[in-house]
Amino acid sequence: MKQTIKLYDIYHADLFSRAKASILADMISPEADNVILDFEGITFMSRSFTDELYNIVITYSEKTFGYTGRNDDIRVMMEKVAEGRTRERQLGIPPAQMLTFDSQNKLADFLVVQ
């Protein structure tokens, strides 16, 4: 079964926040195997909404998702977020060192010295 979800009817012109995106998951029919997201009339989509949208697509991996009515800004945002999800995050700080202690006394000694 094919399901088309008109995003403008739910959100109006602006798509923003993870919480708003999560509403979309509840609207996907269990019977649908092909979900079309219609972006007609959408003028803005935030990075957080887009990232959560990709989480929803991954959660419903047994379904096929398609997109229609995307303007250039929406298309670019989706491309940039998809690209960002494939790269390792660069935080600019070294990875944390994991320490283990075989007794509470050794942990207490470490904490006092630090």
PDB file of N, CA and C in Angstrom:
ATOM      1  N   MET A   1       0.837  -1.180   0.000  1.00  0.00           N
ATOM      2  CA  MET A   1       0.000   0.000   0.000  1.00  0.00           C
ATOM      3  C   MET A   1       0.885   1.248   0.000  1.00  0.00           C
ATOM      4  N   LYS A   2       0.489   2.233  -0.759  1.00  0.00           N
ATOM      5  CA  LYS A   2       1.205   3.507  -0.840  1.00  0.00           C
ATOM      6  C   LYS A   2       0.502   4.538   0.041  1.00  0.00           C
ATOM      7  N   GLN A   3       1.287   5.284   0.809  1.00  0.00           N
ATOM      8  CA  GLN A   3       0.755   6.335   1.672  1.00  0.00           C
ATOM      9  C   GLN A   3       1.477   7.639   1.347  1.00  0.00           C
ATOM     10  N   THR A   4       0.713   8.686   1.088  1.00  0.00           N
ATOM     11  CA  THR A   4       1.290  10.012   0.870  1.00  0.00           C
ATOM     12  C   THR A   4       0.958  10.880   2.078  1.00  0.00           C
ATOM     13  N   ILE A   5       1.993  11.490   2.646  1.00  0.00           N
ATOM     14  CA  ILE A   5       1.813  12.382   3.789  1.00  0.00           C
ATOM     15  C   ILE A   5       2.169  13.790   3.338  1.00  0.00           C
ATOM     16  N   LYS A   6       1.185  14.674   3.371  1.00  0.00           N
ATOM     17  CA  LYS A   6       1.388  16.069   2.991  1.00  0.00           C
ATOM     18  C   LYS A   6       1.866  16.835   4.223  1.00  0.00           C
ATOM     19  N   LEU A   7       3.155  17.120   4.256  1.00  0.00           N
ATOM     20  CA  LEU A   7       3.771  17.727   5.433  1.00  0.00           C
ATOM     21  C   LEU A   7       3.197  19.103   5.756  1.00  0.00           C
ATOM     22  N   TYR A   8       2.804  19.862   4.741  1.00  0.00           N
ATOM     23  CA  TYR A   8       2.243  21.198   4.972  1.00  0.00           C
ATOM     24  C   TYR A   8       0.951  21.103   5.796  1.00  0.00           C
ATOM     25  N   ASP A   9       0.162  20.070   5.567  1.00  0.00           N
ATOM     26  CA  ASP A   9      -1.090  19.906   6.308  1.00  0.00           C
ATOM     27  C   ASP A   9      -0.852  19.661   7.795  1.00  0.00           C
ATOM     28  N   ILE A  10       0.324  19.143   8.140  1.00  0.00           N
ATOM     29  CA  ILE A  10       0.655  18.845   9.533  1.00  0.00           C
ATOM     30  C   ILE A  10       1.388  20.013  10.189  1.00  0.00           C
ATOM     31  N   TYR A  11       2.380  20.533   9.477  1.00  0.00           N
ATOM     32  CA  TYR A  11       3.318  21.482  10.074  1.00  0.00           C
ATOM     33  C   TYR A  11       3.219  22.912   9.539  1.00  0.00           C
ATOM     34  N   HIS A  12       2.509  23.114   8.477  1.00  0.00           N
ATOM     35  CA  HIS A  12       2.507  24.382   7.739  1.00  0.00           C
ATOM     36  C   HIS A  12       3.866  24.559   7.059  1.00  0.00           C
ATOM     37  N   ALA A  13       4.380  25.741   6.896  1.00  0.00           N
ATOM     38  CA  ALA A  13       5.527  25.977   6.011  1.00  0.00           C
ATOM     39  C   ALA A  13       6.885  25.665   6.625  1.00  0.00           C
ATOM     40  N   ASP A  14       6.977  25.587   7.949  1.00  0.00           N
ATOM     41  CA  ASP A  14       8.279  25.421   8.601  1.00  0.00           C
ATOM     42  C   ASP A  14       8.375  24.091   9.328  1.00  0.00           C
ATOM     43  N   LEU A  15       9.442  23.362   9.016  1.00  0.00           N
ATOM     44  CA  LEU A  15       9.719  22.095   9.692  1.00  0.00           C
ATOM     45  C   LEU A  15      10.915  22.320  10.606  1.00  0.00           C
ATOM     46  N   PHE A  16      10.690  22.239  11.912  1.00  0.00           N
ATOM     47  CA  PHE A  16      11.787  22.462  12.848  1.00  0.00           C
ATOM     48  C   PHE A  16      11.599  21.606  14.085  1.00  0.00           C
ATOM     49  N   SER A  17      12.681  21.211  14.685  1.00  0.00           N
ATOM     50  CA  SER A  17      12.817  20.472  15.943  1.00  0.00           C
ATOM     51  C   SER A  17      12.598  18.966  15.783  1.00  0.00           C
ATOM     52  N   ARG A  18      13.360  18.245  16.566  1.00  0.00           N
ATOM     53  CA  ARG A  18      13.246  16.784  16.601  1.00  0.00           C
ATOM     54  C   ARG A  18      11.865  16.363  17.097  1.00  0.00           C
ATOM     55  N   ALA A  19      11.361  17.086  18.092  1.00  0.00           N
ATOM     56  CA  ALA A  19      10.055  16.741  18.652  1.00  0.00           C
ATOM     57  C   ALA A  19       8.964  16.829  17.587  1.00  0.00           C
ATOM     58  N   LYS A  20       9.032  17.859  16.762  1.00  0.00           N
ATOM     59  CA  LYS A  20       8.041  17.999  15.687  1.00  0.00           C
ATOM     60  C   LYS A  20       8.181  16.857  14.685  1.00  0.00           C
ATOM     61  N   ALA A  21       9.416  16.486  14.382  1.00  0.00           N
ATOM     62  CA  ALA A  21       9.642  15.401  13.418  1.00  0.00           C
ATOM     63  C   ALA A  21       9.116  14.077  13.955  1.00  0.00           C
ATOM     64  N   SER A  22       9.235  13.868  15.256  1.00  0.00           N
ATOM     65  CA  SER A  22       8.806  12.588  15.821  1.00  0.00           C
ATOM     66  C   SER A  22       7.299  12.373  15.675  1.00  0.00           C
ATOM     67  N   ILE A  23       6.538  13.450  15.538  1.00  0.00           N
ATOM     68  CA  ILE A  23       5.096  13.342  15.292  1.00  0.00           C
ATOM     69  C   ILE A  23       4.837  12.562  14.004  1.00  0.00           C
ATOM     70  N   LEU A  24       5.728  12.749  13.047  1.00  0.00           N
ATOM     71  CA  LEU A  24       5.583  12.101  11.755  1.00  0.00           C
ATOM     72  C   LEU A  24       5.575  10.578  11.875  1.00  0.00           C
ATOM     73  N   ALA A  25       6.381  10.042  12.777  1.00  0.00           N
ATOM     74  CA  ALA A  25       6.455   8.587  12.948  1.00  0.00           C
ATOM     75  C   ALA A  25       5.092   7.994  13.283  1.00  0.00           C
ATOM     76  N   ASP A  26       4.304   8.708  14.076  1.00  0.00           N
ATOM     77  CA  ASP A  26       2.972   8.220  14.465  1.00  0.00           C
ATOM     78  C   ASP A  26       1.981   8.255  13.309  1.00  0.00           C
ATOM     79  N   MET A  27       2.298   8.983  12.265  1.00  0.00           N
ATOM     80  CA  MET A  27       1.386   9.122  11.135  1.00  0.00           C
ATOM     81  C   MET A  27       1.615   8.070  10.050  1.00  0.00           C
ATOM     82  N   ILE A  28       2.692   7.315  10.165  1.00  0.00           N
ATOM     83  CA  ILE A  28       3.009   6.309   9.151  1.00  0.00           C
ATOM     84  C   ILE A  28       2.157   5.068   9.405  1.00  0.00           C
ATOM     85  N   SER A  29       1.406   4.698   8.410  1.00  0.00           N
ATOM     86  CA  SER A  29       0.502   3.563   8.524  1.00  0.00           C
ATOM     87  C   SER A  29       1.290   2.248   8.567  1.00  0.00           C
ATOM     88  N   PRO A  30       0.924   1.362   9.478  1.00  0.00           N
ATOM     89  CA  PRO A  30       1.588   0.057   9.523  1.00  0.00           C
ATOM     90  C   PRO A  30       1.407  -0.740   8.222  1.00  0.00           C
ATOM     91  N   GLU A  31       0.302  -0.492   7.512  1.00  0.00           N
ATOM     92  CA  GLU A  31       0.033  -1.214   6.268  1.00  0.00           C
ATOM     93  C   GLU A  31       0.819  -0.679   5.075  1.00  0.00           C
ATOM     94  N   ALA A  32       1.342   0.539   5.188  1.00  0.00           N
ATOM     95  CA  ALA A  32       2.044   1.165   4.064  1.00  0.00           C
ATOM     96  C   ALA A  32       3.409   0.513   3.875  1.00  0.00           C
ATOM     97  N   ASP A  33       3.704   0.175   2.641  1.00  0.00           N
ATOM     98  CA  ASP A  33       5.049  -0.306   2.332  1.00  0.00           C
ATOM     99  C   ASP A  33       5.827   0.743   1.543  1.00  0.00           C
ATOM    100  N   ASN A  34       5.116   1.740   1.028  1.00  0.00           N
ATOM    101  CA  ASN A  34       5.719   2.831   0.268  1.00  0.00           C
ATOM    102  C   ASN A  34       5.159   4.144   0.821  1.00  0.00           C
ATOM    103  N   VAL A  35       6.040   4.953   1.438  1.00  0.00           N
ATOM    104  CA  VAL A  35       5.616   6.206   2.066  1.00  0.00           C
ATOM    105  C   VAL A  35       6.200   7.362   1.260  1.00  0.00           C
ATOM    106  N   ILE A  36       5.324   8.229   0.773  1.00  0.00           N
ATOM    107  CA  ILE A  36       5.735   9.416   0.021  1.00  0.00           C
ATOM    108  C   ILE A  36       5.546  10.623   0.926  1.00  0.00           C
ATOM    109  N   LEU A  37       6.633  11.364   1.162  1.00  0.00           N
ATOM    110  CA  LEU A  37       6.546  12.595   1.931  1.00  0.00           C
ATOM    111  C   LEU A  37       6.470  13.750   0.945  1.00  0.00           C
ATOM    112  N   ASP A  38       5.349  14.470   0.990  1.00  0.00           N
ATOM    113  CA  ASP A  38       5.090  15.581   0.075  1.00  0.00           C
ATOM    114  C   ASP A  38       5.495  16.887   0.757  1.00  0.00           C
ATOM    115  N   PHE A  39       6.526  17.542   0.221  1.00  0.00           N
ATOM    116  CA  PHE A  39       7.059  18.778   0.777  1.00  0.00           C
ATOM    117  C   PHE A  39       6.463  20.033   0.132  1.00  0.00           C
ATOM    118  N   GLU A  40       5.450  19.878  -0.685  1.00  0.00           N
ATOM    119  CA  GLU A  40       4.843  21.031  -1.359  1.00  0.00           C
ATOM    120  C   GLU A  40       4.419  22.073  -0.326  1.00  0.00           C
ATOM    121  N   GLY A  41       4.858  23.321  -0.498  1.00  0.00           N
ATOM    122  CA  GLY A  41       4.507  24.417   0.404  1.00  0.00           C
ATOM    123  C   GLY A  41       5.459  24.583   1.574  1.00  0.00           C
ATOM    124  N   ILE A  42       6.394  23.653   1.759  1.00  0.00           N
ATOM    125  CA  ILE A  42       7.362  23.769   2.849  1.00  0.00           C
ATOM    126  C   ILE A  42       8.479  24.705   2.399  1.00  0.00           C
ATOM    127  N   THR A  43       8.755  25.725   3.206  1.00  0.00           N
ATOM    128  CA  THR A  43       9.780  26.707   2.837  1.00  0.00           C
ATOM    129  C   THR A  43      11.040  26.587   3.680  1.00  0.00           C
ATOM    130  N   PHE A  44      10.954  25.928   4.842  1.00  0.00           N
ATOM    131  CA  PHE A  44      12.117  25.809   5.724  1.00  0.00           C
ATOM    132  C   PHE A  44      12.098  24.461   6.413  1.00  0.00           C
ATOM    133  N   MET A  45      13.290  23.837   6.510  1.00  0.00           N
ATOM    134  CA  MET A  45      13.451  22.604   7.275  1.00  0.00           C
ATOM    135  C   MET A  45      14.774  22.690   8.034  1.00  0.00           C
ATOM    136  N   SER A  46      14.716  22.580   9.347  1.00  0.00           N
ATOM    137  CA  SER A  46      15.921  22.706  10.168  1.00  0.00           C
ATOM    138  C   SER A  46      16.772  21.445  10.085  1.00  0.00           C
ATOM    139  N   ARG A  47      18.017  21.609  10.475  1.00  0.00           N
ATOM    140  CA  ARG A  47      18.947  20.478  10.504  1.00  0.00           C
ATOM    141  C   ARG A  47      18.456  19.415  11.495  1.00  0.00           C
ATOM    142  N   SER A  48      17.953  19.837  12.650  1.00  0.00           N
ATOM    143  CA  SER A  48      17.493  18.869  13.652  1.00  0.00           C
ATOM    144  C   SER A  48      16.274  18.089  13.158  1.00  0.00           C
ATOM    145  N   PHE A  49      15.348  18.766  12.497  1.00  0.00           N
ATOM    146  CA  PHE A  49      14.190  18.077  11.938  1.00  0.00           C
ATOM    147  C   PHE A  49      14.656  17.062  10.891  1.00  0.00           C
ATOM    148  N   THR A  50      15.584  17.476  10.037  1.00  0.00           N
ATOM    149  CA  THR A  50      16.072  16.610   8.968  1.00  0.00           C
ATOM    150  C   THR A  50      16.772  15.393   9.540  1.00  0.00           C
ATOM    151  N   ASP A  51      17.601  15.590  10.550  1.00  0.00           N
ATOM    152  CA  ASP A  51      18.299  14.462  11.164  1.00  0.00           C
ATOM    153  C   ASP A  51      17.304  13.485  11.776  1.00  0.00           C
ATOM    154  N   GLU A  52      16.294  13.991  12.449  1.00  0.00           N
ATOM    155  CA  GLU A  52      15.274  13.109  13.033  1.00  0.00           C
ATOM    156  C   GLU A  52      14.460  12.421  11.947  1.00  0.00           C
ATOM    157  N   LEU A  53      14.234  13.091  10.841  1.00  0.00           N
ATOM    158  CA  LEU A  53      13.552  12.473   9.708  1.00  0.00           C
ATOM    159  C   LEU A  53      14.336  11.246   9.233  1.00  0.00           C
ATOM    160  N   TYR A  54      15.656  11.382   9.145  1.00  0.00           N
ATOM    161  CA  TYR A  54      16.485  10.236   8.757  1.00  0.00           C
ATOM    162  C   TYR A  54      16.410   9.122   9.799  1.00  0.00           C
ATOM    163  N   ASN A  55      16.316   9.471  11.081  1.00  0.00           N
ATOM    164  CA  ASN A  55      16.140   8.446  12.119  1.00  0.00           C
ATOM    165  C   ASN A  55      14.840   7.682  11.911  1.00  0.00           C
ATOM    166  N   ILE A  56      13.794   8.387  11.533  1.00  0.00           N
ATOM    167  CA  ILE A  56      12.504   7.739  11.271  1.00  0.00           C
ATOM    168  C   ILE A  56      12.617   6.800  10.080  1.00  0.00           C
ATOM    169  N   VAL A  57      13.264   7.254   9.027  1.00  0.00           N
ATOM    170  CA  VAL A  57      13.443   6.412   7.835  1.00  0.00           C
ATOM    171  C   VAL A  57      14.207   5.136   8.205  1.00  0.00           C
ATOM    172  N   ILE A  58      15.226   5.274   9.058  1.00  0.00           N
ATOM    173  CA  ILE A  58      15.988   4.101   9.493  1.00  0.00           C
ATOM    174  C   ILE A  58      15.120   3.175  10.348  1.00  0.00           C
ATOM    175  N   THR A  59      14.320   3.756  11.232  1.00  0.00           N
ATOM    176  CA  THR A  59      13.437   2.959  12.094  1.00  0.00           C
ATOM    177  C   THR A  59      12.453   2.138  11.264  1.00  0.00           C
ATOM    178  N   TYR A  60      11.941   2.728  10.198  1.00  0.00           N
ATOM    179  CA  TYR A  60      10.990   2.052   9.327  1.00  0.00           C
ATOM    180  C   TYR A  60      11.703   1.518   8.084  1.00  0.00           C
ATOM    181  N   SER A  61      12.813   0.855   8.288  1.00  0.00           N
ATOM    182  CA  SER A  61      13.650   0.412   7.167  1.00  0.00           C
ATOM    183  C   SER A  61      12.954  -0.599   6.261  1.00  0.00           C
ATOM    184  N   GLU A  62      11.901  -1.230   6.738  1.00  0.00           N
ATOM    185  CA  GLU A  62      11.168  -2.187   5.896  1.00  0.00           C
ATOM    186  C   GLU A  62      10.283  -1.468   4.872  1.00  0.00           C
ATOM    187  N   LYS A  63      10.146  -0.166   5.018  1.00  0.00           N
ATOM    188  CA  LYS A  63       9.327   0.625   4.100  1.00  0.00           C
ATOM    189  C   LYS A  63      10.224   1.380   3.125  1.00  0.00           C
ATOM    190  N   THR A  64       9.673   1.690   1.967  1.00  0.00           N
ATOM    191  CA  THR A  64      10.365   2.522   0.985  1.00  0.00           C
ATOM    192  C   THR A  64       9.849   3.948   1.143  1.00  0.00           C
ATOM    193  N   PHE A  65      10.777   4.907   1.230  1.00  0.00           N
ATOM    194  CA  PHE A  65      10.401   6.311   1.362  1.00  0.00           C
ATOM    195  C   PHE A  65      10.728   7.052   0.078  1.00  0.00           C
ATOM    196  N   GLY A  66       9.821   7.911  -0.333  1.00  0.00           N
ATOM    197  CA  GLY A  66      10.038   8.777  -1.477  1.00  0.00           C
ATOM    198  C   GLY A  66       9.683  10.198  -1.087  1.00  0.00           C
ATOM    199  N   TYR A  67      10.191  11.146  -1.864  1.00  0.00           N
ATOM    200  CA  TYR A  67       9.988  12.557  -1.557  1.00  0.00           C
ATOM    201  C   TYR A  67       9.505  13.276  -2.804  1.00  0.00           C
ATOM    202  N   THR A  68       8.548  14.167  -2.609  1.00  0.00           N
ATOM    203  CA  THR A  68       8.043  14.955  -3.721  1.00  0.00           C
ATOM    204  C   THR A  68       7.852  16.393  -3.259  1.00  0.00           C
ATOM    205  N   GLY A  69       7.906  17.329  -4.189  1.00  0.00           N
ATOM    206  CA  GLY A  69       7.639  18.739  -3.899  1.00  0.00           C
ATOM    207  C   GLY A  69       8.732  19.446  -3.128  1.00  0.00           C
ATOM    208  N   ARG A  70       9.936  18.905  -3.115  1.00  0.00           N
ATOM    209  CA  ARG A  70      11.025  19.563  -2.374  1.00  0.00           C
ATOM    210  C   ARG A  70      11.578  20.734  -3.176  1.00  0.00           C
ATOM    211  N   ASN A  71      11.735  21.885  -2.520  1.00  0.00           N
ATOM    212  CA  ASN A  71      12.410  22.999  -3.179  1.00  0.00           C
ATOM    213  C   ASN A  71      13.920  22.803  -3.032  1.00  0.00           C
ATOM    214  N   ASP A  72      14.714  23.678  -3.639  1.00  0.00           N
ATOM    215  CA  ASP A  72      16.171  23.520  -3.608  1.00  0.00           C
ATOM    216  C   ASP A  72      16.732  23.568  -2.187  1.00  0.00           C
ATOM    217  N   ASP A  73      16.193  24.441  -1.336  1.00  0.00           N
ATOM    218  CA  ASP A  73      16.692  24.545   0.038  1.00  0.00           C
ATOM    219  C   ASP A  73      16.468  23.249   0.809  1.00  0.00           C
ATOM    220  N   ILE A  74      15.309  22.648   0.647  1.00  0.00           N
ATOM    221  CA  ILE A  74      14.999  21.387   1.336  1.00  0.00           C
ATOM    222  C   ILE A  74      15.906  20.281   0.811  1.00  0.00           C
ATOM    223  N   ARG A  75      16.067  20.232  -0.479  1.00  0.00           N
ATOM    224  CA  ARG A  75      16.921  19.212  -1.108  1.00  0.00           C
ATOM    225  C   ARG A  75      18.364  19.332  -0.602  1.00  0.00           C
ATOM    226  N   VAL A  76      18.890  20.557  -0.557  1.00  0.00           N
ATOM    227  CA  VAL A  76      20.258  20.773  -0.089  1.00  0.00           C
ATOM    228  C   VAL A  76      20.390  20.391   1.388  1.00  0.00           C
ATOM    229  N   MET A  77      19.424  20.768   2.210  1.00  0.00           N
ATOM    230  CA  MET A  77      19.480  20.415   3.628  1.00  0.00           C
ATOM    231  C   MET A  77      19.516  18.899   3.796  1.00  0.00           C
ATOM    232  N   MET A  78      18.694  18.186   3.058  1.00  0.00           N
ATOM    233  CA  MET A  78      18.674  16.725   3.155  1.00  0.00           C
ATOM    234  C   MET A  78      20.013  16.134   2.710  1.00  0.00           C
ATOM    235  N   GLU A  79      20.603  16.689   1.668  1.00  0.00           N
ATOM    236  CA  GLU A  79      21.904  16.209   1.198  1.00  0.00           C
ATOM    237  C   GLU A  79      22.991  16.460   2.233  1.00  0.00           C
ATOM    238  N   LYS A  80      23.005  17.655   2.824  1.00  0.00           N
ATOM    239  CA  LYS A  80      24.034  18.006   3.807  1.00  0.00           C
ATOM    240  C   LYS A  80      23.919  17.154   5.064  1.00  0.00           C
ATOM    241  N   VAL A  81      22.714  16.933   5.536  1.00  0.00           N
ATOM    242  CA  VAL A  81      22.536  16.110   6.733  1.00  0.00           C
ATOM    243  C   VAL A  81      22.906  14.667   6.427  1.00  0.00           C
ATOM    244  N   ALA A  82      22.508  14.155   5.285  1.00  0.00           N
ATOM    245  CA  ALA A  82      22.878  12.782   4.906  1.00  0.00           C
ATOM    246  C   ALA A  82      24.394  12.644   4.827  1.00  0.00           C
ATOM    247  N   GLU A  83      25.040  13.629   4.245  1.00  0.00           N
ATOM    248  CA  GLU A  83      26.507  13.621   4.140  1.00  0.00           C
ATOM    249  C   GLU A  83      27.145  13.669   5.529  1.00  0.00           C
ATOM    250  N   GLY A  84      26.612  14.493   6.399  1.00  0.00           N
ATOM    251  CA  GLY A  84      27.141  14.610   7.755  1.00  0.00           C
ATOM    252  C   GLY A  84      26.985  13.336   8.563  1.00  0.00           C
ATOM    253  N   ARG A  85      25.966  12.568   8.272  1.00  0.00           N
ATOM    254  CA  ARG A  85      25.738  11.324   8.997  1.00  0.00           C
ATOM    255  C   ARG A  85      26.731  10.241   8.596  1.00  0.00           C
ATOM    256  N   THR A  86      27.414  10.415   7.476  1.00  0.00           N
ATOM    257  CA  THR A  86      28.373   9.408   7.024  1.00  0.00           C
ATOM    258  C   THR A  86      29.789   9.690   7.529  1.00  0.00           C
ATOM    259  N   ARG A  87      30.034  10.906   7.998  1.00  0.00           N
ATOM    260  CA  ARG A  87      31.370  11.280   8.464  1.00  0.00           C
ATOM    261  C   ARG A  87      31.482  11.127   9.973  1.00  0.00           C
ATOM    262  N   GLU A  88      32.681  10.786  10.425  1.00  0.00           N
ATOM    263  CA  GLU A  88      32.943  10.730  11.849  1.00  0.00           C
ATOM    264  C   GLU A  88      32.981  12.154  12.399  1.00  0.00           C
ATOM    265  N   ARG A  89      32.415  12.348  13.566  1.00  0.00           N
ATOM    266  CA  ARG A  89      32.379  13.685  14.156  1.00  0.00           C
ATOM    267  C   ARG A  89      33.780  14.125  14.547  1.00  0.00           C
ATOM    268  N   GLN A  90      34.087  15.357  14.252  1.00  0.00           N
ATOM    269  CA  GLN A  90      35.372  15.954  14.598  1.00  0.00           C
ATOM    270  C   GLN A  90      35.143  16.956  15.724  1.00  0.00           C
ATOM    271  N   LEU A  91      35.423  16.544  16.946  1.00  0.00           N
ATOM    272  CA  LEU A  91      35.157  17.411  18.090  1.00  0.00           C
ATOM    273  C   LEU A  91      36.332  18.310  18.439  1.00  0.00           C
ATOM    274  N   GLY A  92      37.522  18.019  17.909  1.00  0.00           N
ATOM    275  CA  GLY A  92      38.675  18.853  18.199  1.00  0.00           C
ATOM    276  C   GLY A  92      39.284  18.609  19.566  1.00  0.00           C
ATOM    277  N   ILE A  93      38.865  17.538  20.225  1.00  0.00           N
ATOM    278  CA  ILE A  93      39.455  17.180  21.520  1.00  0.00           C
ATOM    279  C   ILE A  93      39.885  15.718  21.452  1.00  0.00           C
ATOM    280  N   PRO A  94      40.916  15.356  22.193  1.00  0.00           N
ATOM    281  CA  PRO A  94      41.347  13.955  22.156  1.00  0.00           C
ATOM    282  C   PRO A  94      40.306  13.054  22.814  1.00  0.00           C
ATOM    283  N   PRO A  95      40.269  11.794  22.430  1.00  0.00           N
ATOM    284  CA  PRO A  95      39.308  10.882  23.053  1.00  0.00           C
ATOM    285  C   PRO A  95      39.603  10.724  24.548  1.00  0.00           C
ATOM    286  N   ALA A  96      38.587  10.504  25.319  1.00  0.00           N
ATOM    287  CA  ALA A  96      38.746  10.334  26.759  1.00  0.00           C
ATOM    288  C   ALA A  96      39.491   9.039  27.063  1.00  0.00           C
ATOM    289  N   GLN A  97      40.311   9.088  28.091  1.00  0.00           N
ATOM    290  CA  GLN A  97      41.043   7.911  28.525  1.00  0.00           C
ATOM    291  C   GLN A  97      40.179   7.172  29.535  1.00  0.00           C
ATOM    292  N   MET A  98      40.055   5.861  29.374  1.00  0.00           N
ATOM    293  CA  MET A  98      39.268   5.054  30.295  1.00  0.00           C
ATOM    294  C   MET A  98      40.194   4.506  31.375  1.00  0.00           C
ATOM    295  N   LEU A  99      39.873   4.776  32.609  1.00  0.00           N
ATOM    296  CA  LEU A  99      40.661   4.284  33.740  1.00  0.00           C
ATOM    297  C   LEU A  99      39.847   3.254  34.499  1.00  0.00           C
ATOM    298  N   THR A 100      40.528   2.254  35.010  1.00  0.00           N
ATOM    299  CA  THR A 100      39.864   1.261  35.858  1.00  0.00           C
ATOM    300  C   THR A 100      40.639   1.146  37.167  1.00  0.00           C
ATOM    301  N   PHE A 101      39.935   0.839  38.231  1.00  0.00           N
ATOM    302  CA  PHE A 101      40.531   0.709  39.558  1.00  0.00           C
ATOM    303  C   PHE A 101      40.052  -0.607  40.148  1.00  0.00           C
ATOM    304  N   ASP A 102      40.989  -1.331  40.760  1.00  0.00           N
ATOM    305  CA  ASP A 102      40.622  -2.631  41.327  1.00  0.00           C
ATOM    306  C   ASP A 102      40.208  -2.557  42.794  1.00  0.00           C
ATOM    307  N   SER A 103      40.161  -1.320  43.313  1.00  0.00           N
ATOM    308  CA  SER A 103      39.667  -1.154  44.678  1.00  0.00           C
ATOM    309  C   SER A 103      39.171   0.281  44.864  1.00  0.00           C
ATOM    310  N   GLN A 104      38.325   0.432  45.862  1.00  0.00           N
ATOM    311  CA  GLN A 104      37.818   1.770  46.176  1.00  0.00           C
ATOM    312  C   GLN A 104      38.942   2.665  46.690  1.00  0.00           C
ATOM    313  N   ASN A 105      39.901   2.074  47.382  1.00  0.00           N
ATOM    314  CA  ASN A 105      41.027   2.859  47.908  1.00  0.00           C
ATOM    315  C   ASN A 105      41.853   3.462  46.774  1.00  0.00           C
ATOM    316  N   LYS A 106      42.104   2.677  45.723  1.00  0.00           N
ATOM    317  CA  LYS A 106      42.875   3.193  44.589  1.00  0.00           C
ATOM    318  C   LYS A 106      42.098   4.299  43.872  1.00  0.00           C
ATOM    319  N   LEU A 107      40.794   4.146  43.768  1.00  0.00           N
ATOM    320  CA  LEU A 107      39.964   5.201  43.174  1.00  0.00           C
ATOM    321  C   LEU A 107      40.030   6.461  44.035  1.00  0.00           C
ATOM    322  N   ALA A 108      39.902   6.289  45.346  1.00  0.00           N
ATOM    323  CA  ALA A 108      39.957   7.445  46.265  1.00  0.00           C
ATOM    324  C   ALA A 108      41.312   8.126  46.185  1.00  0.00           C
ATOM    325  N   ASP A 109      42.392   7.338  46.108  1.00  0.00           N
ATOM    326  CA  ASP A 109      43.727   7.926  45.977  1.00  0.00           C
ATOM    327  C   ASP A 109      43.835   8.737  44.683  1.00  0.00           C
ATOM    328  N   PHE A 110      43.303   8.203  43.601  1.00  0.00           N
ATOM    329  CA  PHE A 110      43.343   8.903  42.318  1.00  0.00           C
ATOM    330  C   PHE A 110      42.587  10.225  42.409  1.00  0.00           C
ATOM    331  N   LEU A 111      41.410  10.193  42.992  1.00  0.00           N
ATOM    332  CA  LEU A 111      40.592  11.404  43.090  1.00  0.00           C
ATOM    333  C   LEU A 111      41.247  12.468  43.981  1.00  0.00           C
ATOM    334  N   VAL A 112      41.908  12.059  45.015  1.00  0.00           N
ATOM    335  CA  VAL A 112      42.573  13.014  45.903  1.00  0.00           C
ATOM    336  C   VAL A 112      43.764  13.651  45.212  1.00  0.00           C
ATOM    337  N   VAL A 113      44.513  12.870  44.457  1.00  0.00           N
ATOM    338  CA  VAL A 113      45.691  13.374  43.764  1.00  0.00           C
ATOM    339  C   VAL A 113      45.288  14.319  42.637  1.00  0.00           C
ATOM    340  N   GLN A 114      44.220  14.037  41.967  1.00  0.00           N
ATOM    341  CA  GLN A 114      43.791  14.837  40.827  1.00  0.00           C
ATOM    342  C   GLN A 114      43.242  16.146  41.306  1.00  0.00           C
TER     343      GLN A 114
END
